[in-house]
């Protein structure tokens, strides 16, 4: 019998086509590293503001004001920095998905 097909067997979990033997020391940490949680955040960005500010408009939608100019991605980098501070993650964990050249943007944040 395939161990991954037995739902009562807690030593094995199915990840794509492979399984992990949880009797192996360190397997739980390895399995947690495989699971990356992320969230999507929508933002309306206002460049050339007097101060950097994030306003929560509800349901993962934010209005973000940044001092930076919308030139060569300066405002986008500032927004990524603010979102990283807001959610307590590194700037590398915040990715701009849609809206690199517009005011409405969609970000993916790995948590």
N, C-alpha and C. Protein backbone atom coordinates (compact mmCIF):
# COMPACT_ATOMS: atom_id res chain seq x y z
N UNK A 1 0.85 -1.19 0.00
CA UNK A 1 0.00 0.00 0.00
C UNK A 1 0.89 1.24 0.00
N UNK A 2 0.53 2.21 -0.80
CA UNK A 2 1.27 3.47 -0.87
C UNK A 2 1.05 4.26 0.42
N UNK A 3 2.13 4.66 1.13
CA UNK A 3 1.94 5.37 2.40
C UNK A 3 1.25 6.71 2.24
N UNK A 4 1.39 7.36 1.10
CA UNK A 4 0.76 8.67 0.93
C UNK A 4 -0.74 8.56 0.71
N UNK A 5 -1.24 7.36 0.43
CA UNK A 5 -2.68 7.20 0.21
C UNK A 5 -3.43 6.92 1.51
N UNK A 6 -2.72 6.63 2.59
CA UNK A 6 -3.35 6.35 3.87
C UNK A 6 -3.53 7.66 4.63
N UNK A 7 -4.76 8.18 4.77
CA UNK A 7 -4.95 9.47 5.44
C UNK A 7 -4.67 9.42 6.94
N UNK A 8 -4.67 8.21 7.54
CA UNK A 8 -4.43 8.10 8.97
C UNK A 8 -2.94 8.02 9.31
N UNK A 9 -2.10 7.81 8.32
CA UNK A 9 -0.67 7.71 8.55
C UNK A 9 -0.08 9.11 8.61
N UNK A 10 0.27 9.58 9.82
CA UNK A 10 0.73 10.95 10.03
C UNK A 10 2.21 11.13 9.68
N UNK A 11 2.92 10.03 9.38
CA UNK A 11 4.34 10.17 9.08
C UNK A 11 4.59 10.67 7.67
N UNK A 12 3.61 10.62 6.80
CA UNK A 12 3.81 10.98 5.41
C UNK A 12 2.84 12.07 4.98
N UNK A 13 3.32 12.98 4.20
CA UNK A 13 2.46 14.00 3.61
C UNK A 13 2.80 14.06 2.12
N UNK A 14 1.83 14.33 1.31
CA UNK A 14 2.04 14.37 -0.13
C UNK A 14 2.38 15.79 -0.56
N UNK A 15 3.52 15.99 -1.17
CA UNK A 15 3.93 17.27 -1.76
C UNK A 15 4.23 17.00 -3.22
N UNK A 16 3.35 17.42 -4.09
CA UNK A 16 3.48 17.21 -5.54
C UNK A 16 3.58 15.71 -5.79
N UNK A 17 4.74 15.21 -6.17
CA UNK A 17 4.86 13.78 -6.48
C UNK A 17 5.68 13.03 -5.44
N UNK A 18 6.17 13.71 -4.44
CA UNK A 18 7.04 13.11 -3.44
C UNK A 18 6.36 13.06 -2.08
N UNK A 19 6.91 12.31 -1.16
CA UNK A 19 6.42 12.33 0.21
C UNK A 19 7.60 12.44 1.16
N UNK A 20 7.34 12.92 2.37
CA UNK A 20 8.37 13.15 3.37
C UNK A 20 8.12 12.21 4.53
N UNK A 21 9.16 11.55 4.99
CA UNK A 21 9.08 10.69 6.16
C UNK A 21 9.28 11.57 7.39
N UNK A 22 8.22 11.82 8.16
CA UNK A 22 8.31 12.70 9.30
C UNK A 22 8.99 12.06 10.51
N UNK A 23 9.41 10.80 10.39
CA UNK A 23 10.21 10.19 11.43
C UNK A 23 11.65 10.69 11.35
N UNK A 24 12.03 11.24 10.21
CA UNK A 24 13.39 11.78 10.01
C UNK A 24 13.53 13.08 10.80
N UNK A 25 14.60 13.24 11.59
CA UNK A 25 14.79 14.49 12.35
C UNK A 25 14.97 15.67 11.40
N UNK A 26 14.30 16.73 11.67
CA UNK A 26 14.39 17.92 10.82
C UNK A 26 13.39 17.95 9.69
N UNK A 27 12.57 16.93 9.56
CA UNK A 27 11.62 16.87 8.45
C UNK A 27 10.52 17.92 8.60
N UNK A 28 10.11 18.20 9.83
CA UNK A 28 9.06 19.20 10.04
C UNK A 28 9.52 20.58 9.60
N UNK A 29 10.75 20.95 9.93
CA UNK A 29 11.27 22.25 9.51
C UNK A 29 11.38 22.32 7.99
N UNK A 30 11.78 21.21 7.39
CA UNK A 30 11.88 21.15 5.93
C UNK A 30 10.50 21.30 5.29
N UNK A 31 9.50 20.64 5.85
CA UNK A 31 8.14 20.71 5.30
C UNK A 31 7.57 22.11 5.46
N UNK A 32 7.86 22.78 6.58
CA UNK A 32 7.38 24.15 6.77
C UNK A 32 8.01 25.10 5.76
N UNK A 33 9.26 24.84 5.40
CA UNK A 33 9.93 25.69 4.41
C UNK A 33 9.31 25.53 3.03
N UNK A 34 8.71 24.37 2.76
CA UNK A 34 8.07 24.15 1.47
C UNK A 34 6.77 24.95 1.32
N UNK A 35 6.12 25.21 2.43
CA UNK A 35 4.84 25.91 2.40
C UNK A 35 5.10 27.41 2.57
N UNK A 36 4.87 28.16 1.53
CA UNK A 36 5.06 29.60 1.57
C UNK A 36 3.68 30.25 1.53
N UNK A 37 3.39 31.02 2.55
CA UNK A 37 2.10 31.70 2.59
C UNK A 37 2.29 33.09 2.01
N UNK A 38 1.32 33.52 1.25
CA UNK A 38 1.40 34.86 0.69
C UNK A 38 0.01 35.47 0.67
N UNK A 39 0.00 36.78 0.55
CA UNK A 39 -1.27 37.49 0.47
C UNK A 39 -1.18 38.52 -0.64
N UNK A 40 -2.32 38.82 -1.21
CA UNK A 40 -2.39 39.83 -2.27
C UNK A 40 -2.90 41.13 -1.67
N UNK A 41 -2.26 42.22 -2.05
CA UNK A 41 -2.62 43.55 -1.56
C UNK A 41 -2.83 44.46 -2.75
N UNK A 42 -3.96 45.13 -2.78
CA UNK A 42 -4.23 46.15 -3.80
C UNK A 42 -3.92 47.51 -3.21
N UNK A 43 -3.38 48.40 -4.06
CA UNK A 43 -3.01 49.72 -3.55
C UNK A 43 -3.26 50.78 -4.61
N UNK A 44 -3.74 51.92 -4.14
CA UNK A 44 -3.82 53.12 -4.97
C UNK A 44 -2.69 54.02 -4.50
N UNK A 45 -1.76 54.31 -5.37
CA UNK A 45 -0.55 55.03 -5.00
C UNK A 45 -0.64 56.49 -5.44
N UNK A 46 -0.25 57.37 -4.54
CA UNK A 46 -0.20 58.80 -4.83
C UNK A 46 1.25 59.27 -4.69
N UNK A 47 1.96 59.42 -5.81
CA UNK A 47 3.33 59.92 -5.74
C UNK A 47 3.36 61.43 -5.50
N UNK A 48 4.54 61.95 -5.20
CA UNK A 48 4.76 63.39 -4.96
C UNK A 48 3.95 63.91 -3.77
N UNK A 49 3.75 63.10 -2.76
CA UNK A 49 3.01 63.53 -1.56
C UNK A 49 3.96 64.27 -0.62
N UNK A 50 3.40 64.93 0.35
CA UNK A 50 4.22 65.66 1.32
C UNK A 50 4.85 64.72 2.34
N UNK A 51 4.21 63.58 2.60
CA UNK A 51 4.76 62.61 3.54
C UNK A 51 4.40 61.20 3.09
N UNK A 52 5.22 60.22 3.53
CA UNK A 52 4.93 58.82 3.25
C UNK A 52 3.88 58.35 4.24
N UNK A 53 2.79 57.74 3.71
CA UNK A 53 1.68 57.36 4.56
C UNK A 53 0.90 56.21 3.93
N UNK A 54 0.44 55.29 4.77
CA UNK A 54 -0.43 54.20 4.32
C UNK A 54 -1.77 54.34 5.02
N UNK A 55 -2.84 54.35 4.24
CA UNK A 55 -4.20 54.38 4.78
C UNK A 55 -4.90 53.09 4.41
N UNK A 56 -5.44 52.42 5.41
CA UNK A 56 -6.15 51.15 5.19
C UNK A 56 -7.58 51.46 4.78
N UNK A 57 -7.96 51.02 3.57
CA UNK A 57 -9.32 51.24 3.09
C UNK A 57 -10.17 49.98 3.21
N UNK A 58 -9.59 48.92 3.80
CA UNK A 58 -10.35 47.69 4.05
C UNK A 58 -10.12 46.62 3.01
N UNK A 59 -10.25 45.37 3.44
CA UNK A 59 -10.16 44.19 2.59
C UNK A 59 -8.91 44.18 1.71
N UNK A 60 -7.75 44.32 2.34
CA UNK A 60 -6.45 44.31 1.65
C UNK A 60 -6.34 45.36 0.56
N UNK A 61 -6.98 46.50 0.77
CA UNK A 61 -6.89 47.62 -0.16
C UNK A 61 -6.37 48.82 0.61
N UNK A 62 -5.29 49.41 0.10
CA UNK A 62 -4.63 50.51 0.78
C UNK A 62 -4.48 51.70 -0.16
N UNK A 63 -4.47 52.89 0.44
CA UNK A 63 -4.10 54.10 -0.27
C UNK A 63 -2.73 54.49 0.28
N UNK A 64 -1.74 54.56 -0.60
CA UNK A 64 -0.36 54.79 -0.18
C UNK A 64 0.14 56.08 -0.81
N UNK A 65 0.56 57.01 0.04
CA UNK A 65 1.15 58.27 -0.42
C UNK A 65 2.65 58.20 -0.21
N UNK A 66 3.41 58.56 -1.25
CA UNK A 66 4.87 58.54 -1.15
C UNK A 66 5.43 59.86 -1.65
N UNK A 67 6.55 60.27 -1.06
CA UNK A 67 7.22 61.49 -1.47
C UNK A 67 7.92 61.34 -2.82
N UNK A 68 8.31 60.14 -3.16
CA UNK A 68 9.12 59.88 -4.35
C UNK A 68 8.37 60.24 -5.63
N UNK A 69 9.15 60.57 -6.64
CA UNK A 69 8.59 60.87 -7.96
C UNK A 69 8.33 59.57 -8.71
N UNK A 70 7.35 59.57 -9.61
CA UNK A 70 7.08 58.36 -10.40
C UNK A 70 8.02 58.26 -11.60
N UNK A 71 9.31 58.29 -11.32
CA UNK A 71 10.31 58.26 -12.37
C UNK A 71 11.24 57.07 -12.14
N UNK A 72 11.43 56.24 -13.17
CA UNK A 72 12.33 55.08 -13.13
C UNK A 72 12.08 54.18 -11.92
N UNK A 73 10.84 54.03 -11.50
CA UNK A 73 10.49 53.10 -10.43
C UNK A 73 10.78 53.59 -9.02
N UNK A 74 11.10 54.87 -8.86
CA UNK A 74 11.39 55.39 -7.52
C UNK A 74 10.19 55.26 -6.59
N UNK A 75 9.02 55.63 -7.08
CA UNK A 75 7.81 55.54 -6.25
C UNK A 75 7.48 54.08 -5.94
N UNK A 76 7.66 53.17 -6.90
CA UNK A 76 7.39 51.76 -6.65
C UNK A 76 8.31 51.21 -5.56
N UNK A 77 9.59 51.57 -5.59
CA UNK A 77 10.52 51.11 -4.57
C UNK A 77 10.13 51.66 -3.19
N UNK A 78 9.66 52.89 -3.15
CA UNK A 78 9.23 53.48 -1.87
C UNK A 78 7.97 52.78 -1.34
N UNK A 79 7.04 52.43 -2.23
CA UNK A 79 5.83 51.71 -1.83
C UNK A 79 6.19 50.33 -1.28
N UNK A 80 7.11 49.65 -1.95
CA UNK A 80 7.55 48.33 -1.48
C UNK A 80 8.18 48.44 -0.10
N UNK A 81 8.96 49.49 0.12
CA UNK A 81 9.58 49.71 1.43
C UNK A 81 8.52 49.93 2.51
N UNK A 82 7.50 50.74 2.21
CA UNK A 82 6.43 51.00 3.18
C UNK A 82 5.62 49.75 3.49
N UNK A 83 5.29 48.98 2.46
CA UNK A 83 4.53 47.74 2.68
C UNK A 83 5.33 46.73 3.50
N UNK A 84 6.62 46.65 3.25
CA UNK A 84 7.47 45.73 4.02
C UNK A 84 7.48 46.13 5.48
N UNK A 85 7.57 47.42 5.77
CA UNK A 85 7.54 47.88 7.16
C UNK A 85 6.18 47.60 7.79
N UNK A 86 5.11 47.83 7.04
CA UNK A 86 3.75 47.65 7.55
C UNK A 86 3.48 46.21 7.95
N UNK A 87 3.94 45.25 7.12
CA UNK A 87 3.65 43.84 7.37
C UNK A 87 4.78 43.11 8.08
N UNK A 88 5.87 43.81 8.40
CA UNK A 88 6.97 43.20 9.14
C UNK A 88 7.73 42.14 8.36
N UNK A 89 7.93 42.37 7.07
CA UNK A 89 8.68 41.45 6.22
C UNK A 89 9.83 42.22 5.56
N UNK A 90 10.69 41.50 4.87
CA UNK A 90 11.76 42.16 4.13
C UNK A 90 11.23 42.70 2.82
N UNK A 91 11.97 43.63 2.22
CA UNK A 91 11.53 44.20 0.95
C UNK A 91 11.54 43.16 -0.17
N UNK A 92 12.37 42.14 -0.05
CA UNK A 92 12.42 41.08 -1.04
C UNK A 92 11.18 40.20 -1.03
N UNK A 93 10.43 40.23 0.06
CA UNK A 93 9.21 39.43 0.16
C UNK A 93 7.99 40.15 -0.42
N UNK A 94 8.16 41.40 -0.81
CA UNK A 94 7.07 42.18 -1.41
C UNK A 94 7.35 42.27 -2.91
N UNK A 95 6.43 41.76 -3.72
CA UNK A 95 6.61 41.74 -5.17
C UNK A 95 5.47 42.49 -5.85
N UNK A 96 5.83 43.36 -6.77
CA UNK A 96 4.85 44.07 -7.57
C UNK A 96 4.40 43.16 -8.69
N UNK A 97 3.11 42.84 -8.74
CA UNK A 97 2.58 41.92 -9.73
C UNK A 97 2.02 42.68 -10.93
N UNK A 98 1.17 43.67 -10.67
CA UNK A 98 0.50 44.41 -11.73
C UNK A 98 0.56 45.90 -11.41
N UNK A 99 0.73 46.73 -12.41
CA UNK A 99 0.61 48.16 -12.24
C UNK A 99 1.91 48.91 -12.08
N UNK A 100 2.97 48.43 -12.71
CA UNK A 100 4.26 49.09 -12.59
C UNK A 100 4.26 50.53 -13.06
N UNK A 101 3.41 50.87 -14.03
CA UNK A 101 3.38 52.22 -14.57
C UNK A 101 2.13 53.01 -14.23
N UNK A 102 1.25 52.47 -13.42
CA UNK A 102 0.00 53.15 -13.10
C UNK A 102 -0.14 53.39 -11.61
N UNK A 103 -1.24 54.00 -11.23
CA UNK A 103 -1.47 54.28 -9.81
C UNK A 103 -2.10 53.10 -9.08
N UNK A 104 -2.89 52.29 -9.77
CA UNK A 104 -3.49 51.10 -9.16
C UNK A 104 -2.51 49.94 -9.30
N UNK A 105 -2.15 49.33 -8.17
CA UNK A 105 -1.13 48.28 -8.17
C UNK A 105 -1.61 47.06 -7.39
N UNK A 106 -1.04 45.93 -7.73
CA UNK A 106 -1.31 44.68 -7.04
C UNK A 106 0.04 44.11 -6.58
N UNK A 107 0.15 43.83 -5.29
CA UNK A 107 1.38 43.29 -4.70
C UNK A 107 1.11 41.91 -4.14
N UNK A 108 2.15 41.09 -4.17
CA UNK A 108 2.12 39.78 -3.54
C UNK A 108 3.15 39.83 -2.41
N UNK A 109 2.71 39.52 -1.17
CA UNK A 109 3.58 39.61 -0.01
C UNK A 109 3.72 38.21 0.58
N UNK A 110 4.95 37.70 0.60
CA UNK A 110 5.23 36.40 1.22
C UNK A 110 5.34 36.58 2.72
N UNK A 111 4.55 35.81 3.44
CA UNK A 111 4.53 35.94 4.90
C UNK A 111 5.16 34.70 5.52
